[in-house]
Amino acid sequence: MNKLLERITIDPRVCHGQPVVRGLRYTVESLLEYLAGGDGIEDILQEFPDLEREDLLACLEFAAQSLRVKSRHLVMA
């Protein structure tokens, strides 16, 4: 498994089982929305000092992996 992806956790007791960063209740979805909205990595790190650069890179990797899996599933269907 990609080392970055180890930073993403899924626990039904945390944020209703949504993927989050290191159990910190920052959902992958919300952090990707910040990035998509134009916020840079440094902007987000200043806003949320308990996050690390690798956390945001892990969110991007998680999204990329999710799309790969979904794309393979669509081709096979």
N, C-alpha and C. Protein backbone atom coordinates (compact mmCIF):
# COMPACT_ATOMS: atom_id res chain seq x y z
N MET A 1 0.85 -1.19 0.00
CA MET A 1 0.00 0.00 0.00
C MET A 1 0.88 1.24 0.00
N ASN A 2 0.47 2.24 -0.72
CA ASN A 2 1.18 3.50 -0.77
C ASN A 2 1.29 4.07 0.65
N LYS A 3 2.49 4.50 1.02
CA LYS A 3 2.74 5.03 2.37
C LYS A 3 1.81 6.20 2.70
N LEU A 4 1.54 7.05 1.70
CA LEU A 4 0.65 8.18 1.94
C LEU A 4 -0.74 7.72 2.35
N LEU A 5 -1.21 6.64 1.73
CA LEU A 5 -2.57 6.18 2.00
C LEU A 5 -2.75 5.69 3.43
N GLU A 6 -1.66 5.38 4.10
CA GLU A 6 -1.76 4.97 5.51
C GLU A 6 -2.27 6.11 6.39
N ARG A 7 -2.19 7.33 5.89
CA ARG A 7 -2.66 8.50 6.63
C ARG A 7 -4.18 8.63 6.57
N ILE A 8 -4.80 7.94 5.64
CA ILE A 8 -6.26 8.02 5.49
C ILE A 8 -6.88 6.86 6.26
N THR A 9 -7.81 7.20 7.14
CA THR A 9 -8.46 6.18 7.96
C THR A 9 -9.97 6.21 7.74
N ILE A 10 -10.56 5.05 7.92
CA ILE A 10 -12.02 4.93 7.83
C ILE A 10 -12.47 4.18 9.07
N ASP A 11 -13.28 4.86 9.86
CA ASP A 11 -13.77 4.29 11.12
C ASP A 11 -15.23 4.70 11.25
N PRO A 12 -16.13 3.76 11.38
CA PRO A 12 -17.56 4.10 11.47
C PRO A 12 -17.89 5.05 12.62
N ARG A 13 -17.01 5.13 13.61
CA ARG A 13 -17.26 6.02 14.75
C ARG A 13 -16.75 7.43 14.52
N VAL A 14 -16.03 7.65 13.41
CA VAL A 14 -15.46 8.98 13.12
C VAL A 14 -16.08 9.49 11.83
N CYS A 15 -16.76 10.61 11.90
CA CYS A 15 -17.38 11.26 10.74
C CYS A 15 -18.24 10.30 9.93
N HIS A 16 -18.99 9.46 10.62
CA HIS A 16 -19.94 8.53 9.99
C HIS A 16 -19.26 7.60 8.98
N GLY A 17 -18.00 7.27 9.24
CA GLY A 17 -17.29 6.32 8.38
C GLY A 17 -16.70 6.91 7.12
N GLN A 18 -16.75 8.22 6.97
CA GLN A 18 -16.12 8.85 5.81
C GLN A 18 -14.61 8.77 5.96
N PRO A 19 -13.88 8.71 4.85
CA PRO A 19 -12.41 8.72 4.94
C PRO A 19 -11.93 10.05 5.54
N VAL A 20 -11.06 9.94 6.53
CA VAL A 20 -10.51 11.12 7.20
C VAL A 20 -8.99 11.01 7.28
N VAL A 21 -8.38 12.12 7.60
CA VAL A 21 -6.93 12.17 7.75
C VAL A 21 -6.55 11.82 9.18
N ARG A 22 -5.82 10.75 9.35
CA ARG A 22 -5.26 10.32 10.64
C ARG A 22 -6.26 10.35 11.79
N GLY A 23 -7.52 10.11 11.50
CA GLY A 23 -8.53 10.09 12.56
C GLY A 23 -8.82 11.45 13.16
N LEU A 24 -8.39 12.53 12.49
CA LEU A 24 -8.52 13.88 13.04
C LEU A 24 -9.85 14.56 12.74
N ARG A 25 -10.75 13.87 12.07
CA ARG A 25 -12.05 14.41 11.71
C ARG A 25 -11.98 15.44 10.58
N TYR A 26 -10.87 15.48 9.87
CA TYR A 26 -10.79 16.24 8.62
C TYR A 26 -11.10 15.25 7.51
N THR A 27 -12.25 15.40 6.88
CA THR A 27 -12.61 14.45 5.84
C THR A 27 -11.79 14.71 4.58
N VAL A 28 -11.50 13.63 3.88
CA VAL A 28 -10.79 13.75 2.60
C VAL A 28 -11.61 14.64 1.68
N GLU A 29 -12.91 14.45 1.67
CA GLU A 29 -13.78 15.23 0.79
C GLU A 29 -13.65 16.73 1.05
N SER A 30 -13.69 17.14 2.31
CA SER A 30 -13.64 18.57 2.61
C SER A 30 -12.28 19.17 2.25
N LEU A 31 -11.22 18.42 2.47
CA LEU A 31 -9.90 18.95 2.12
C LEU A 31 -9.73 19.04 0.61
N LEU A 32 -10.28 18.07 -0.13
CA LEU A 32 -10.25 18.15 -1.59
C LEU A 32 -11.07 19.34 -2.08
N GLU A 33 -12.15 19.64 -1.40
CA GLU A 33 -12.96 20.81 -1.78
C GLU A 33 -12.18 22.10 -1.60
N TYR A 34 -11.40 22.20 -0.52
CA TYR A 34 -10.55 23.38 -0.34
C TYR A 34 -9.57 23.51 -1.50
N LEU A 35 -8.92 22.40 -1.85
CA LEU A 35 -7.96 22.42 -2.95
C LEU A 35 -8.64 22.77 -4.28
N ALA A 36 -9.78 22.17 -4.54
CA ALA A 36 -10.52 22.44 -5.77
C ALA A 36 -11.00 23.89 -5.83
N GLY A 37 -11.25 24.46 -4.68
CA GLY A 37 -11.71 25.85 -4.60
C GLY A 37 -10.60 26.86 -4.79
N GLY A 38 -9.37 26.38 -4.94
CA GLY A 38 -8.27 27.29 -5.20
C GLY A 38 -7.32 27.52 -4.04
N ASP A 39 -7.64 26.97 -2.88
CA ASP A 39 -6.71 27.11 -1.75
C ASP A 39 -5.48 26.27 -2.02
N GLY A 40 -4.33 26.83 -1.76
CA GLY A 40 -3.09 26.08 -1.91
C GLY A 40 -2.80 25.25 -0.67
N ILE A 41 -1.87 24.34 -0.83
CA ILE A 41 -1.48 23.50 0.31
C ILE A 41 -1.03 24.35 1.48
N GLU A 42 -0.21 25.36 1.21
CA GLU A 42 0.30 26.20 2.30
C GLU A 42 -0.84 26.96 2.99
N ASP A 43 -1.83 27.41 2.22
CA ASP A 43 -2.99 28.10 2.80
C ASP A 43 -3.72 27.19 3.79
N ILE A 44 -3.94 25.96 3.37
CA ILE A 44 -4.67 25.01 4.21
C ILE A 44 -3.86 24.68 5.46
N LEU A 45 -2.56 24.53 5.31
CA LEU A 45 -1.71 24.22 6.47
C LEU A 45 -1.70 25.36 7.47
N GLN A 46 -1.78 26.59 7.00
CA GLN A 46 -1.85 27.72 7.91
C GLN A 46 -3.19 27.76 8.64
N GLU A 47 -4.24 27.42 7.92
CA GLU A 47 -5.58 27.43 8.51
C GLU A 47 -5.77 26.30 9.52
N PHE A 48 -5.16 25.16 9.23
CA PHE A 48 -5.31 23.98 10.09
C PHE A 48 -3.92 23.47 10.48
N PRO A 49 -3.32 24.05 11.51
CA PRO A 49 -1.93 23.73 11.86
C PRO A 49 -1.67 22.29 12.29
N ASP A 50 -2.72 21.53 12.62
CA ASP A 50 -2.49 20.14 13.01
C ASP A 50 -2.39 19.21 11.79
N LEU A 51 -2.59 19.76 10.60
CA LEU A 51 -2.39 18.98 9.37
C LEU A 51 -0.96 19.12 8.89
N GLU A 52 -0.51 18.14 8.13
CA GLU A 52 0.82 18.14 7.54
C GLU A 52 0.69 18.06 6.02
N ARG A 53 1.70 18.52 5.33
CA ARG A 53 1.71 18.49 3.87
C ARG A 53 1.37 17.09 3.34
N GLU A 54 1.93 16.07 3.96
CA GLU A 54 1.70 14.70 3.53
C GLU A 54 0.23 14.30 3.67
N ASP A 55 -0.48 14.91 4.61
CA ASP A 55 -1.91 14.63 4.77
C ASP A 55 -2.68 15.06 3.52
N LEU A 56 -2.34 16.23 3.00
CA LEU A 56 -3.02 16.73 1.81
C LEU A 56 -2.62 15.93 0.58
N LEU A 57 -1.36 15.55 0.51
CA LEU A 57 -0.93 14.70 -0.60
C LEU A 57 -1.63 13.34 -0.52
N ALA A 58 -1.86 12.86 0.68
CA ALA A 58 -2.58 11.60 0.87
C ALA A 58 -4.02 11.72 0.38
N CYS A 59 -4.65 12.86 0.60
CA CYS A 59 -6.01 13.07 0.09
C CYS A 59 -6.03 13.00 -1.43
N LEU A 60 -5.05 13.62 -2.06
CA LEU A 60 -4.97 13.58 -3.53
C LEU A 60 -4.72 12.17 -4.03
N GLU A 61 -3.85 11.45 -3.36
CA GLU A 61 -3.57 10.06 -3.74
C GLU A 61 -4.80 9.19 -3.55
N PHE A 62 -5.52 9.41 -2.46
CA PHE A 62 -6.75 8.65 -2.20
C PHE A 62 -7.76 8.88 -3.31
N ALA A 63 -7.91 10.13 -3.72
CA ALA A 63 -8.85 10.44 -4.80
C ALA A 63 -8.42 9.78 -6.10
N ALA A 64 -7.13 9.83 -6.39
CA ALA A 64 -6.62 9.21 -7.62
C ALA A 64 -6.86 7.70 -7.61
N GLN A 65 -6.56 7.06 -6.49
CA GLN A 65 -6.76 5.61 -6.36
C GLN A 65 -8.25 5.26 -6.48
N SER A 66 -9.09 6.07 -5.88
CA SER A 66 -10.53 5.83 -5.94
C SER A 66 -11.03 5.89 -7.38
N LEU A 67 -10.53 6.85 -8.14
CA LEU A 67 -10.93 6.96 -9.54
C LEU A 67 -10.43 5.78 -10.36
N ARG A 68 -9.23 5.32 -10.06
CA ARG A 68 -8.71 4.16 -10.77
C ARG A 68 -9.59 2.93 -10.53
N VAL A 69 -9.95 2.72 -9.29
CA VAL A 69 -10.79 1.57 -8.95
C VAL A 69 -12.15 1.70 -9.61
N LYS A 70 -12.74 2.88 -9.55
CA LYS A 70 -14.06 3.09 -10.14
C LYS A 70 -13.99 2.93 -11.66
N SER A 71 -12.94 3.43 -12.29
CA SER A 71 -12.79 3.31 -13.75
C SER A 71 -12.68 1.85 -14.16
N ARG A 72 -11.92 1.07 -13.43
CA ARG A 72 -11.79 -0.36 -13.74
C ARG A 72 -13.13 -1.06 -13.62
N HIS A 73 -13.88 -0.69 -12.59
CA HIS A 73 -15.19 -1.29 -12.37
C HIS A 73 -16.13 -0.97 -13.53
N LEU A 74 -16.10 0.27 -14.01
CA LEU A 74 -16.97 0.67 -15.11
C LEU A 74 -16.62 -0.07 -16.40
N VAL A 75 -15.33 -0.28 -16.64
CA VAL A 75 -14.90 -0.99 -17.85
C VAL A 75 -15.35 -2.44 -17.81
N MET A 76 -15.32 -3.03 -16.62
CA MET A 76 -15.68 -4.44 -16.49
C MET A 76 -17.19 -4.66 -16.55
N ALA A 77 -17.96 -3.64 -16.25
CA ALA A 77 -19.42 -3.80 -16.17
C ALA A 77 -20.07 -3.94 -17.53
